[in-house]
Amino acid sequence: MSGADDPVLEHQLSMNRETWKALEEHGVREGAELSLDFFFVAPGEEAARALATYIGAETDYEAEASSVKTGWLSKPHWGVSGSTPPTAVSPDVLDEWVTWMVAAGQAHGCEFDGWGAAVPDA
């Protein structure tokens, strides 16, 4: 799946536009360096560990598979989270990055669940 055929990618790309607007409102401009935090939902431990290993091998990102329990009656679920080193960002760079992250997740049976960034103090 790609582009218009992929609802996850389309959703994430539309979220990029909203997130970029929010970053600009906080003074971030094209070329600013941000460390990006990312999140994936995994169907189980094996998929989560495989994706975290893949991301670590293919990039210079920190990635960790972990089990999360959201309530005392809920079953734990697996995910992958991590962060990038500071990198220059722009809307185009973020779209390319999100496209890669969605594809990496799908290749390992996981769903890219989004990203965030701390805005540096002005």
PDB file of N, CA and C in Angstrom:
ATOM      1  N   MET A   1       0.839  -1.192   0.000  1.00  0.00           N
ATOM      2  CA  MET A   1       0.000   0.000   0.000  1.00  0.00           C
ATOM      3  C   MET A   1       0.875   1.243   0.000  1.00  0.00           C
ATOM      4  N   SER A   2       0.395   2.262  -0.645  1.00  0.00           N
ATOM      5  CA  SER A   2       1.130   3.511  -0.614  1.00  0.00           C
ATOM      6  C   SER A   2       0.171   4.675  -0.838  1.00  0.00           C
ATOM      7  N   GLY A   3       0.551   5.801  -0.294  1.00  0.00           N
ATOM      8  CA  GLY A   3      -0.185   7.038  -0.523  1.00  0.00           C
ATOM      9  C   GLY A   3      -1.671   6.923  -0.271  1.00  0.00           C
ATOM     10  N   ALA A   4      -2.463   7.220  -1.304  1.00  0.00           N
ATOM     11  CA  ALA A   4      -3.917   7.278  -1.173  1.00  0.00           C
ATOM     12  C   ALA A   4      -4.522   5.920  -0.844  1.00  0.00           C
ATOM     13  N   ASP A   5      -3.783   4.835  -1.088  1.00  0.00           N
ATOM     14  CA  ASP A   5      -4.292   3.499  -0.786  1.00  0.00           C
ATOM     15  C   ASP A   5      -4.087   3.105   0.673  1.00  0.00           C
ATOM     16  N   ASP A   6      -3.367   3.896   1.420  1.00  0.00           N
ATOM     17  CA  ASP A   6      -2.989   3.531   2.782  1.00  0.00           C
ATOM     18  C   ASP A   6      -3.603   4.507   3.786  1.00  0.00           C
ATOM     19  N   PRO A   7      -4.667   4.096   4.472  1.00  0.00           N
ATOM     20  CA  PRO A   7      -5.320   5.030   5.395  1.00  0.00           C
ATOM     21  C   PRO A   7      -4.425   5.445   6.565  1.00  0.00           C
ATOM     22  N   VAL A   8      -3.552   4.565   7.025  1.00  0.00           N
ATOM     23  CA  VAL A   8      -2.650   4.930   8.127  1.00  0.00           C
ATOM     24  C   VAL A   8      -1.704   6.031   7.676  1.00  0.00           C
ATOM     25  N   LEU A   9      -1.105   5.850   6.509  1.00  0.00           N
ATOM     26  CA  LEU A   9      -0.180   6.865   5.995  1.00  0.00           C
ATOM     27  C   LEU A   9      -0.909   8.175   5.743  1.00  0.00           C
ATOM     28  N   GLU A  10      -2.066   8.121   5.123  1.00  0.00           N
ATOM     29  CA  GLU A  10      -2.825   9.347   4.858  1.00  0.00           C
ATOM     30  C   GLU A  10      -3.158  10.081   6.152  1.00  0.00           C
ATOM     31  N   HIS A  11      -3.559   9.337   7.167  1.00  0.00           N
ATOM     32  CA  HIS A  11      -3.873   9.947   8.464  1.00  0.00           C
ATOM     33  C   HIS A  11      -2.633  10.607   9.064  1.00  0.00           C
ATOM     34  N   GLN A  12      -1.514   9.888   9.038  1.00  0.00           N
ATOM     35  CA  GLN A  12      -0.297  10.427   9.633  1.00  0.00           C
ATOM     36  C   GLN A  12       0.195  11.658   8.872  1.00  0.00           C
ATOM     37  N   LEU A  13       0.092  11.646   7.551  1.00  0.00           N
ATOM     38  CA  LEU A  13       0.512  12.815   6.771  1.00  0.00           C
ATOM     39  C   LEU A  13      -0.387  14.012   7.059  1.00  0.00           C
ATOM     40  N   SER A  14      -1.678  13.783   7.249  1.00  0.00           N
ATOM     41  CA  SER A  14      -2.562  14.899   7.590  1.00  0.00           C
ATOM     42  C   SER A  14      -2.249  15.415   8.994  1.00  0.00           C
ATOM     43  N   MET A  15      -1.877  14.508   9.892  1.00  0.00           N
ATOM     44  CA  MET A  15      -1.483  14.928  11.244  1.00  0.00           C
ATOM     45  C   MET A  15      -0.192  15.754  11.199  1.00  0.00           C
ATOM     46  N   ASN A  16       0.705  15.419  10.259  1.00  0.00           N
ATOM     47  CA  ASN A  16       1.932  16.207  10.109  1.00  0.00           C
ATOM     48  C   ASN A  16       1.612  17.677   9.854  1.00  0.00           C
ATOM     49  N   ARG A  17       0.632  17.928   9.014  1.00  0.00           N
ATOM     50  CA  ARG A  17       0.280  19.311   8.698  1.00  0.00           C
ATOM     51  C   ARG A  17      -0.199  20.051   9.954  1.00  0.00           C
ATOM     52  N   GLU A  18      -1.008  19.369  10.757  1.00  0.00           N
ATOM     53  CA  GLU A  18      -1.497  19.980  11.996  1.00  0.00           C
ATOM     54  C   GLU A  18      -0.356  20.192  12.987  1.00  0.00           C
ATOM     55  N   THR A  19       0.503  19.202  13.108  1.00  0.00           N
ATOM     56  CA  THR A  19       1.624  19.304  14.046  1.00  0.00           C
ATOM     57  C   THR A  19       2.584  20.399  13.609  1.00  0.00           C
ATOM     58  N   TRP A  20       2.845  20.498  12.297  1.00  0.00           N
ATOM     59  CA  TRP A  20       3.742  21.551  11.812  1.00  0.00           C
ATOM     60  C   TRP A  20       3.180  22.929  12.149  1.00  0.00           C
ATOM     61  N   LYS A  21       1.863  23.123  11.995  1.00  0.00           N
ATOM     62  CA  LYS A  21       1.245  24.405  12.351  1.00  0.00           C
ATOM     63  C   LYS A  21       1.480  24.713  13.829  1.00  0.00           C
ATOM     64  N   ALA A  22       1.306  23.709  14.678  1.00  0.00           N
ATOM     65  CA  ALA A  22       1.516  23.908  16.112  1.00  0.00           C
ATOM     66  C   ALA A  22       2.982  24.230  16.412  1.00  0.00           C
ATOM     67  N   LEU A  23       3.900  23.549  15.733  1.00  0.00           N
ATOM     68  CA  LEU A  23       5.319  23.839  15.939  1.00  0.00           C
ATOM     69  C   LEU A  23       5.643  25.273  15.527  1.00  0.00           C
ATOM     70  N   GLU A  24       5.097  25.697  14.386  1.00  0.00           N
ATOM     71  CA  GLU A  24       5.331  27.076  13.930  1.00  0.00           C
ATOM     72  C   GLU A  24       4.796  28.090  14.936  1.00  0.00           C
ATOM     73  N   GLU A  25       3.646  27.783  15.540  1.00  0.00           N
ATOM     74  CA  GLU A  25       3.074  28.678  16.550  1.00  0.00           C
ATOM     75  C   GLU A  25       3.979  28.807  17.766  1.00  0.00           C
ATOM     76  N   HIS A  26       4.855  27.800  17.950  1.00  0.00           N
ATOM     77  CA  HIS A  26       5.802  27.830  19.069  1.00  0.00           C
ATOM     78  C   HIS A  26       7.200  28.253  18.618  1.00  0.00           C
ATOM     79  N   GLY A  27       7.283  28.855  17.427  1.00  0.00           N
ATOM     80  CA  GLY A  27       8.540  29.429  16.986  1.00  0.00           C
ATOM     81  C   GLY A  27       9.450  28.525  16.179  1.00  0.00           C
ATOM     82  N   VAL A  28       9.035  27.310  15.876  1.00  0.00           N
ATOM     83  CA  VAL A  28       9.872  26.409  15.083  1.00  0.00           C
ATOM     84  C   VAL A  28       9.760  26.801  13.617  1.00  0.00           C
ATOM     85  N   ARG A  29      10.893  26.885  12.944  1.00  0.00           N
ATOM     86  CA  ARG A  29      10.939  27.225  11.530  1.00  0.00           C
ATOM     87  C   ARG A  29      11.648  26.114  10.762  1.00  0.00           C
ATOM     88  N   GLU A  30      11.465  26.102   9.440  1.00  0.00           N
ATOM     89  CA  GLU A  30      12.136  25.106   8.615  1.00  0.00           C
ATOM     90  C   GLU A  30      13.629  25.155   8.878  1.00  0.00           C
ATOM     91  N   GLY A  31      14.226  23.976   9.014  1.00  0.00           N
ATOM     92  CA  GLY A  31      15.654  23.870   9.284  1.00  0.00           C
ATOM     93  C   GLY A  31      15.988  23.781  10.758  1.00  0.00           C
ATOM     94  N   ALA A  32      15.017  24.053  11.635  1.00  0.00           N
ATOM     95  CA  ALA A  32      15.276  23.919  13.067  1.00  0.00           C
ATOM     96  C   ALA A  32      15.580  22.458  13.387  1.00  0.00           C
ATOM     97  N   GLU A  33      16.441  22.232  14.350  1.00  0.00           N
ATOM     98  CA  GLU A  33      16.774  20.866  14.737  1.00  0.00           C
ATOM     99  C   GLU A  33      15.927  20.442  15.928  1.00  0.00           C
ATOM    100  N   LEU A  34      15.214  19.340  15.738  1.00  0.00           N
ATOM    101  CA  LEU A  34      14.377  18.772  16.794  1.00  0.00           C
ATOM    102  C   LEU A  34      14.674  17.295  16.944  1.00  0.00           C
ATOM    103  N   SER A  35      14.580  16.812  18.151  1.00  0.00           N
ATOM    104  CA  SER A  35      14.597  15.374  18.409  1.00  0.00           C
ATOM    105  C   SER A  35      13.141  14.927  18.387  1.00  0.00           C
ATOM    106  N   LEU A  36      12.848  13.928  17.552  1.00  0.00           N
ATOM    107  CA  LEU A  36      11.473  13.467  17.393  1.00  0.00           C
ATOM    108  C   LEU A  36      11.254  12.188  18.199  1.00  0.00           C
ATOM    109  N   ASP A  37      10.188  12.157  18.964  1.00  0.00           N
ATOM    110  CA  ASP A  37       9.779  10.957  19.693  1.00  0.00           C
ATOM    111  C   ASP A  37       8.731  10.247  18.858  1.00  0.00           C
ATOM    112  N   PHE A  38       8.817   8.908  18.780  1.00  0.00           N
ATOM    113  CA  PHE A  38       7.876   8.171  17.933  1.00  0.00           C
ATOM    114  C   PHE A  38       7.288   6.988  18.697  1.00  0.00           C
ATOM    115  N   PHE A  39       6.135   6.535  18.189  1.00  0.00           N
ATOM    116  CA  PHE A  39       5.374   5.500  18.866  1.00  0.00           C
ATOM    117  C   PHE A  39       4.740   4.554  17.855  1.00  0.00           C
ATOM    118  N   PHE A  40       4.760   3.270  18.162  1.00  0.00           N
ATOM    119  CA  PHE A  40       4.103   2.243  17.360  1.00  0.00           C
ATOM    120  C   PHE A  40       3.276   1.354  18.280  1.00  0.00           C
ATOM    121  N   VAL A  41       2.196   0.816  17.755  1.00  0.00           N
ATOM    122  CA  VAL A  41       1.412  -0.209  18.428  1.00  0.00           C
ATOM    123  C   VAL A  41       1.776  -1.529  17.760  1.00  0.00           C
ATOM    124  N   ALA A  42       2.055  -2.537  18.573  1.00  0.00           N
ATOM    125  CA  ALA A  42       2.463  -3.840  18.048  1.00  0.00           C
ATOM    126  C   ALA A  42       1.458  -4.912  18.460  1.00  0.00           C
ATOM    127  N   PRO A  43       1.300  -5.952  17.629  1.00  0.00           N
ATOM    128  CA  PRO A  43       0.352  -7.007  17.969  1.00  0.00           C
ATOM    129  C   PRO A  43       0.862  -7.949  19.063  1.00  0.00           C
ATOM    130  N   GLY A  44       2.144  -7.897  19.358  1.00  0.00           N
ATOM    131  CA  GLY A  44       2.699  -8.762  20.390  1.00  0.00           C
ATOM    132  C   GLY A  44       4.179  -8.505  20.585  1.00  0.00           C
ATOM    133  N   GLU A  45       4.758  -9.233  21.501  1.00  0.00           N
ATOM    134  CA  GLU A  45       6.156  -9.037  21.863  1.00  0.00           C
ATOM    135  C   GLU A  45       7.107  -9.278  20.690  1.00  0.00           C
ATOM    136  N   GLU A  46       6.894 -10.356  19.950  1.00  0.00           N
ATOM    137  CA  GLU A  46       7.812 -10.693  18.860  1.00  0.00           C
ATOM    138  C   GLU A  46       7.866  -9.580  17.810  1.00  0.00           C
ATOM    139  N   ALA A  47       6.711  -9.078  17.402  1.00  0.00           N
ATOM    140  CA  ALA A  47       6.668  -7.999  16.407  1.00  0.00           C
ATOM    141  C   ALA A  47       7.314  -6.730  16.957  1.00  0.00           C
ATOM    142  N   ALA A  48       7.038  -6.404  18.203  1.00  0.00           N
ATOM    143  CA  ALA A  48       7.605  -5.198  18.808  1.00  0.00           C
ATOM    144  C   ALA A  48       9.126  -5.286  18.864  1.00  0.00           C
ATOM    145  N   ARG A  49       9.632  -6.407  19.309  1.00  0.00           N
ATOM    146  CA  ARG A  49      11.091  -6.560  19.403  1.00  0.00           C
ATOM    147  C   ARG A  49      11.741  -6.540  18.016  1.00  0.00           C
ATOM    148  N   ALA A  50      11.091  -7.166  17.030  1.00  0.00           N
ATOM    149  CA  ALA A  50      11.636  -7.172  15.671  1.00  0.00           C
ATOM    150  C   ALA A  50      11.692  -5.757  15.108  1.00  0.00           C
ATOM    151  N   LEU A  51      10.638  -4.984  15.310  1.00  0.00           N
ATOM    152  CA  LEU A  51      10.622  -3.614  14.801  1.00  0.00           C
ATOM    153  C   LEU A  51      11.669  -2.760  15.506  1.00  0.00           C
ATOM    154  N   ALA A  52      11.767  -2.855  16.819  1.00  0.00           N
ATOM    155  CA  ALA A  52      12.761  -2.066  17.555  1.00  0.00           C
ATOM    156  C   ALA A  52      14.176  -2.412  17.087  1.00  0.00           C
ATOM    157  N   THR A  53      14.439  -3.692  16.859  1.00  0.00           N
ATOM    158  CA  THR A  53      15.746  -4.123  16.365  1.00  0.00           C
ATOM    159  C   THR A  53      16.009  -3.554  14.975  1.00  0.00           C
ATOM    160  N   TYR A  54      15.006  -3.620  14.102  1.00  0.00           N
ATOM    161  CA  TYR A  54      15.135  -3.099  12.743  1.00  0.00           C
ATOM    162  C   TYR A  54      15.431  -1.599  12.754  1.00  0.00           C
ATOM    163  N   ILE A  55      14.665  -0.844  13.516  1.00  0.00           N
ATOM    164  CA  ILE A  55      14.869   0.601  13.574  1.00  0.00           C
ATOM    165  C   ILE A  55      16.277   0.912  14.080  1.00  0.00           C
ATOM    166  N   GLY A  56      16.717   0.195  15.099  1.00  0.00           N
ATOM    167  CA  GLY A  56      18.062   0.410  15.628  1.00  0.00           C
ATOM    168  C   GLY A  56      19.149   0.080  14.631  1.00  0.00           C
ATOM    169  N   ALA A  57      18.920  -0.939  13.799  1.00  0.00           N
ATOM    170  CA  ALA A  57      19.920  -1.350  12.812  1.00  0.00           C
ATOM    171  C   ALA A  57      19.945  -0.435  11.596  1.00  0.00           C
ATOM    172  N   GLU A  58      18.791   0.110  11.215  1.00  0.00           N
ATOM    173  CA  GLU A  58      18.690   0.899   9.990  1.00  0.00           C
ATOM    174  C   GLU A  58      18.901   2.396  10.198  1.00  0.00           C
ATOM    175  N   THR A  59      18.871   2.844  11.440  1.00  0.00           N
ATOM    176  CA  THR A  59      18.957   4.276  11.730  1.00  0.00           C
ATOM    177  C   THR A  59      19.877   4.499  12.920  1.00  0.00           C
ATOM    178  N   ASP A  60      20.030   5.749  13.302  1.00  0.00           N
ATOM    179  CA  ASP A  60      20.750   6.079  14.535  1.00  0.00           C
ATOM    180  C   ASP A  60      19.757   6.464  15.642  1.00  0.00           C
ATOM    181  N   TYR A  61      18.540   5.934  15.556  1.00  0.00           N
ATOM    182  CA  TYR A  61      17.494   6.220  16.533  1.00  0.00           C
ATOM    183  C   TYR A  61      17.587   5.251  17.708  1.00  0.00           C
ATOM    184  N   GLU A  62      17.126   5.694  18.842  1.00  0.00           N
ATOM    185  CA  GLU A  62      16.923   4.806  19.979  1.00  0.00           C
ATOM    186  C   GLU A  62      15.509   4.258  19.853  1.00  0.00           C
ATOM    187  N   ALA A  63      15.358   2.944  19.964  1.00  0.00           N
ATOM    188  CA  ALA A  63      14.026   2.334  19.874  1.00  0.00           C
ATOM    189  C   ALA A  63      13.943   1.206  20.890  1.00  0.00           C
ATOM    190  N   GLU A  64      12.813   1.128  21.573  1.00  0.00           N
ATOM    191  CA  GLU A  64      12.632   0.128  22.617  1.00  0.00           C
ATOM    192  C   GLU A  64      11.238  -0.490  22.528  1.00  0.00           C
ATOM    193  N   ALA A  65      11.218  -1.809  22.579  1.00  0.00           N
ATOM    194  CA  ALA A  65       9.947  -2.534  22.664  1.00  0.00           C
ATOM    195  C   ALA A  65       9.567  -2.625  24.131  1.00  0.00           C
ATOM    196  N   SER A  66       8.289  -2.432  24.424  1.00  0.00           N
ATOM    197  CA  SER A  66       7.857  -2.529  25.817  1.00  0.00           C
ATOM    198  C   SER A  66       6.400  -2.946  25.886  1.00  0.00           C
ATOM    199  N   SER A  67       6.064  -3.511  27.021  1.00  0.00           N
ATOM    200  CA  SER A  67       4.704  -3.919  27.312  1.00  0.00           C
ATOM    201  C   SER A  67       4.076  -2.862  28.200  1.00  0.00           C
ATOM    202  N   VAL A  68       2.854  -2.470  27.866  1.00  0.00           N
ATOM    203  CA  VAL A  68       2.164  -1.415  28.603  1.00  0.00           C
ATOM    204  C   VAL A  68       0.831  -1.964  29.087  1.00  0.00           C
ATOM    205  N   LYS A  69       0.546  -1.726  30.339  1.00  0.00           N
ATOM    206  CA  LYS A  69      -0.753  -2.099  30.895  1.00  0.00           C
ATOM    207  C   LYS A  69      -1.456  -0.807  31.269  1.00  0.00           C
ATOM    208  N   THR A  70      -2.627  -0.561  30.672  1.00  0.00           N
ATOM    209  CA  THR A  70      -3.294   0.725  30.853  1.00  0.00           C
ATOM    210  C   THR A  70      -4.230   0.777  32.056  1.00  0.00           C
ATOM    211  N   GLY A  71      -4.618  -0.339  32.581  1.00  0.00           N
ATOM    212  CA  GLY A  71      -5.497  -0.361  33.749  1.00  0.00           C
ATOM    213  C   GLY A  71      -5.338  -1.688  34.486  1.00  0.00           C
ATOM    214  N   TRP A  72      -5.760  -1.744  35.712  1.00  0.00           N
ATOM    215  CA  TRP A  72      -5.495  -2.957  36.493  1.00  0.00           C
ATOM    216  C   TRP A  72      -6.259  -4.161  35.971  1.00  0.00           C
ATOM    217  N   LEU A  73      -7.333  -3.975  35.223  1.00  0.00           N
ATOM    218  CA  LEU A  73      -8.065  -5.098  34.642  1.00  0.00           C
ATOM    219  C   LEU A  73      -7.678  -5.369  33.184  1.00  0.00           C
ATOM    220  N   SER A  74      -6.918  -4.473  32.597  1.00  0.00           N
ATOM    221  CA  SER A  74      -6.589  -4.635  31.182  1.00  0.00           C
ATOM    222  C   SER A  74      -5.393  -5.559  30.991  1.00  0.00           C
ATOM    223  N   LYS A  75      -5.370  -6.183  29.831  1.00  0.00           N
ATOM    224  CA  LYS A  75      -4.222  -6.998  29.459  1.00  0.00           C
ATOM    225  C   LYS A  75      -3.132  -6.071  28.944  1.00  0.00           C
ATOM    226  N   PRO A  76      -1.876  -6.442  29.169  1.00  0.00           N
ATOM    227  CA  PRO A  76      -0.807  -5.609  28.626  1.00  0.00           C
ATOM    228  C   PRO A  76      -0.802  -5.662  27.098  1.00  0.00           C
ATOM    229  N   HIS A  77      -0.380  -4.590  26.466  1.00  0.00           N
ATOM    230  CA  HIS A  77      -0.203  -4.586  25.027  1.00  0.00           C
ATOM    231  C   HIS A  77       1.221  -4.116  24.733  1.00  0.00           C
ATOM    232  N   TRP A  78       1.711  -4.482  23.574  1.00  0.00           N
ATOM    233  CA  TRP A  78       3.088  -4.186  23.209  1.00  0.00           C
ATOM    234  C   TRP A  78       3.168  -2.997  22.284  1.00  0.00           C
ATOM    235  N   GLY A  79       4.259  -2.292  22.395  1.00  0.00           N
ATOM    236  CA  GLY A  79       4.508  -1.157  21.527  1.00  0.00           C
ATOM    237  C   GLY A  79       5.991  -0.913  21.384  1.00  0.00           C
ATOM    238  N   VAL A  80       6.313   0.019  20.541  1.00  0.00           N
ATOM    239  CA  VAL A  80       7.689   0.452  20.340  1.00  0.00           C
ATOM    240  C   VAL A  80       7.700   1.963  20.468  1.00  0.00           C
ATOM    241  N   SER A  81       8.658   2.470  21.207  1.00  0.00           N
ATOM    242  CA  SER A  81       8.820   3.913  21.316  1.00  0.00           C
ATOM    243  C   SER A  81      10.297   4.234  21.194  1.00  0.00           C
ATOM    244  N   GLY A  82      10.562   5.458  20.855  1.00  0.00           N
ATOM    245  CA  GLY A  82      11.951   5.853  20.735  1.00  0.00           C
ATOM    246  C   GLY A  82      12.078   7.300  20.355  1.00  0.00           C
ATOM    247  N   SER A  83      13.310   7.677  20.027  1.00  0.00           N
ATOM    248  CA  SER A  83      13.565   9.053  19.641  1.00  0.00           C
ATOM    249  C   SER A  83      14.714   9.116  18.651  1.00  0.00           C
ATOM    250  N   THR A  84      14.709  10.192  17.902  1.00  0.00           N
ATOM    251  CA  THR A  84      15.763  10.448  16.935  1.00  0.00           C
ATOM    252  C   THR A  84      16.762  11.413  17.562  1.00  0.00           C
ATOM    253  N   PRO A  85      17.973  11.432  17.047  1.00  0.00           N
ATOM    254  CA  PRO A  85      18.855  12.531  17.444  1.00  0.00           C
ATOM    255  C   PRO A  85      18.308  13.827  16.842  1.00  0.00           C
ATOM    256  N   PRO A  86      18.761  14.971  17.315  1.00  0.00           N
ATOM    257  CA  PRO A  86      18.296  16.224  16.712  1.00  0.00           C
ATOM    258  C   PRO A  86      18.573  16.222  15.201  1.00  0.00           C
ATOM    259  N   THR A  87      17.558  16.615  14.452  1.00  0.00           N
ATOM    260  CA  THR A  87      17.665  16.651  13.000  1.00  0.00           C
ATOM    261  C   THR A  87      16.911  17.855  12.469  1.00  0.00           C
ATOM    262  N   ALA A  88      17.390  18.404  11.365  1.00  0.00           N
ATOM    263  CA  ALA A  88      16.733  19.554  10.749  1.00  0.00           C
ATOM    264  C   ALA A  88      15.381  19.108  10.190  1.00  0.00           C
ATOM    265  N   VAL A  89      14.347  19.843  10.513  1.00  0.00           N
ATOM    266  CA  VAL A  89      12.992  19.469  10.097  1.00  0.00           C
ATOM    267  C   VAL A  89      12.380  20.515   9.172  1.00  0.00           C
ATOM    268  N   SER A  90      11.447  20.039   8.383  1.00  0.00           N
ATOM    269  CA  SER A  90      10.609  20.870   7.517  1.00  0.00           C
ATOM    270  C   SER A  90       9.386  20.017   7.216  1.00  0.00           C
ATOM    271  N   PRO A  91       8.339  20.596   6.678  1.00  0.00           N
ATOM    272  CA  PRO A  91       7.179  19.771   6.331  1.00  0.00           C
ATOM    273  C   PRO A  91       7.540  18.614   5.390  1.00  0.00           C
ATOM    274  N   ASP A  92       8.373  18.878   4.383  1.00  0.00           N
ATOM    275  CA  ASP A  92       8.747  17.816   3.440  1.00  0.00           C
ATOM    276  C   ASP A  92       9.566  16.727   4.112  1.00  0.00           C
ATOM    277  N   VAL A  93      10.522  17.121   4.946  1.00  0.00           N
ATOM    278  CA  VAL A  93      11.350  16.141   5.660  1.00  0.00           C
ATOM    279  C   VAL A  93      10.466  15.278   6.567  1.00  0.00           C
ATOM    280  N   LEU A  94       9.541  15.910   7.261  1.00  0.00           N
ATOM    281  CA  LEU A  94       8.660  15.154   8.160  1.00  0.00           C
ATOM    282  C   LEU A  94       7.763  14.195   7.388  1.00  0.00           C
ATOM    283  N   ASP A  95       7.276  14.611   6.223  1.00  0.00           N
ATOM    284  CA  ASP A  95       6.453  13.706   5.410  1.00  0.00           C
ATOM    285  C   ASP A  95       7.265  12.497   4.942  1.00  0.00           C
ATOM    286  N   GLU A  96       8.495  12.726   4.507  1.00  0.00           N
ATOM    287  CA  GLU A  96       9.352  11.607   4.091  1.00  0.00           C
ATOM    288  C   GLU A  96       9.631  10.679   5.261  1.00  0.00           C
ATOM    289  N   TRP A  97       9.914  11.267   6.417  1.00  0.00           N
ATOM    290  CA  TRP A  97      10.221  10.476   7.608  1.00  0.00           C
ATOM    291  C   TRP A  97       9.011   9.643   8.036  1.00  0.00           C
ATOM    292  N   VAL A  98       7.849  10.258   8.077  1.00  0.00           N
ATOM    293  CA  VAL A  98       6.636   9.539   8.471  1.00  0.00           C
ATOM    294  C   VAL A  98       6.333   8.419   7.473  1.00  0.00           C
ATOM    295  N   THR A  99       6.528   8.669   6.195  1.00  0.00           N
ATOM    296  CA  THR A  99       6.303   7.631   5.186  1.00  0.00           C
ATOM    297  C   THR A  99       7.207   6.435   5.455  1.00  0.00           C
ATOM    298  N   TRP A 100       8.477   6.691   5.776  1.00  0.00           N
ATOM    299  CA  TRP A 100       9.410   5.602   6.102  1.00  0.00           C
ATOM    300  C   TRP A 100       8.966   4.868   7.372  1.00  0.00           C
ATOM    301  N   MET A 101       8.574   5.622   8.390  1.00  0.00           N
ATOM    302  CA  MET A 101       8.184   5.003   9.670  1.00  0.00           C
ATOM    303  C   MET A 101       6.932   4.135   9.504  1.00  0.00           C
ATOM    304  N   VAL A 102       5.947   4.625   8.750  1.00  0.00           N
ATOM    305  CA  VAL A 102       4.737   3.834   8.511  1.00  0.00           C
ATOM    306  C   VAL A 102       5.111   2.534   7.802  1.00  0.00           C
ATOM    307  N   ALA A 103       5.948   2.616   6.765  1.00  0.00           N
ATOM    308  CA  ALA A 103       6.356   1.423   6.018  1.00  0.00           C
ATOM    309  C   ALA A 103       7.151   0.459   6.897  1.00  0.00           C
ATOM    310  N   ALA A 104       8.044   0.978   7.730  1.00  0.00           N
ATOM    311  CA  ALA A 104       8.825   0.118   8.627  1.00  0.00           C
ATOM    312  C   ALA A 104       7.899  -0.624   9.588  1.00  0.00           C
ATOM    313  N   GLY A 105       6.929   0.091  10.128  1.00  0.00           N
ATOM    314  CA  GLY A 105       5.977  -0.554  11.029  1.00  0.00           C
ATOM    315  C   GLY A 105       5.181  -1.633  10.324  1.00  0.00           C
ATOM    316  N   GLN A 106       4.656  -1.314   9.149  1.00  0.00           N
ATOM    317  CA  GLN A 106       3.847  -2.282   8.410  1.00  0.00           C
ATOM    318  C   GLN A 106       4.651  -3.516   8.039  1.00  0.00           C
ATOM    319  N   ALA A 107       5.925  -3.352   7.709  1.00  0.00           N
ATOM    320  CA  ALA A 107       6.776  -4.490   7.349  1.00  0.00           C
ATOM    321  C   ALA A 107       6.962  -5.450   8.524  1.00  0.00           C
ATOM    322  N   HIS A 108       6.700  -4.967   9.732  1.00  0.00           N
ATOM    323  CA  HIS A 108       6.844  -5.796  10.933  1.00  0.00           C
ATOM    324  C   HIS A 108       5.506  -6.039  11.633  1.00  0.00           C
ATOM    325  N   GLY A 109       4.405  -5.764  10.936  1.00  0.00           N
ATOM    326  CA  GLY A 109       3.081  -6.026  11.491  1.00  0.00           C
ATOM    327  C   GLY A 109       2.657  -5.043  12.566  1.00  0.00           C
ATOM    328  N   CYS A 110       3.300  -3.879  12.629  1.00  0.00           N
ATOM    329  CA  CYS A 110       3.004  -2.867  13.649  1.00  0.00           C
ATOM    330  C   CYS A 110       2.419  -1.627  12.983  1.00  0.00           C
ATOM    331  N   GLU A 111       1.755  -0.801  13.772  1.00  0.00           N
ATOM    332  CA  GLU A 111       1.166   0.419  13.245  1.00  0.00           C
ATOM    333  C   GLU A 111       1.840   1.635  13.851  1.00  0.00           C
ATOM    334  N   PHE A 112       2.320   2.517  12.968  1.00  0.00           N
ATOM    335  CA  PHE A 112       2.882   3.784  13.430  1.00  0.00           C
ATOM    336  C   PHE A 112       1.756   4.577  14.072  1.00  0.00           C
ATOM    337  N   ASP A 113       1.970   4.992  15.324  1.00  0.00           N
ATOM    338  CA  ASP A 113       0.912   5.643  16.085  1.00  0.00           C
ATOM    339  C   ASP A 113       1.141   7.137  16.258  1.00  0.00           C
ATOM    340  N   GLY A 114       2.248   7.641  15.699  1.00  0.00           N
ATOM    341  CA  GLY A 114       2.460   9.075  15.759  1.00  0.00           C
ATOM    342  C   GLY A 114       3.821   9.462  16.315  1.00  0.00           C
ATOM    343  N   TRP A 115       4.008  10.783  16.364  1.00  0.00           N
ATOM    344  CA  TRP A 115       5.266  11.325  16.823  1.00  0.00           C
ATOM    345  C   TRP A 115       5.016  12.644  17.531  1.00  0.00           C
ATOM    346  N   GLY A 116       6.036  13.076  18.234  1.00  0.00           N
ATOM    347  CA  GLY A 116       5.986  14.365  18.914  1.00  0.00           C
ATOM    348  C   GLY A 116       7.386  14.911  19.045  1.00  0.00           C
ATOM    349  N   ALA A 117       7.486  16.137  19.470  1.00  0.00           N
ATOM    350  CA  ALA A 117       8.786  16.780  19.652  1.00  0.00           C
ATOM    351  C   ALA A 117       8.671  17.838  20.736  1.00  0.00           C
ATOM    352  N   ALA A 118       9.704  17.933  21.536  1.00  0.00           N
ATOM    353  CA  ALA A 118       9.764  19.011  22.510  1.00  0.00           C
ATOM    354  C   ALA A 118      10.288  20.248  21.800  1.00  0.00           C
ATOM    355  N   VAL A 119       9.628  21.346  21.997  1.00  0.00           N
ATOM    356  CA  VAL A 119      10.052  22.601  21.369  1.00  0.00           C
ATOM    357  C   VAL A 119      11.105  23.231  22.269  1.00  0.00           C
ATOM    358  N   PRO A 120      12.278  23.550  21.684  1.00  0.00           N
ATOM    359  CA  PRO A 120      13.319  24.177  22.497  1.00  0.00           C
ATOM    360  C   PRO A 120      12.880  25.553  23.012  1.00  0.00           C
ATOM    361  N   ASP A 121      13.409  25.922  24.151  1.00  0.00           N
ATOM    362  CA  ASP A 121      13.111  27.250  24.704  1.00  0.00           C
ATOM    363  C   ASP A 121      13.669  28.308  23.755  1.00  0.00           C
ATOM    364  N   ALA A 122      12.896  29.339  23.578  1.00  0.00           N
ATOM    365  CA  ALA A 122      13.307  30.416  22.657  1.00  0.00           C
ATOM    366  C   ALA A 122      14.440  31.218  23.237  1.00  0.00           C
TER     367      ALA A 122
END
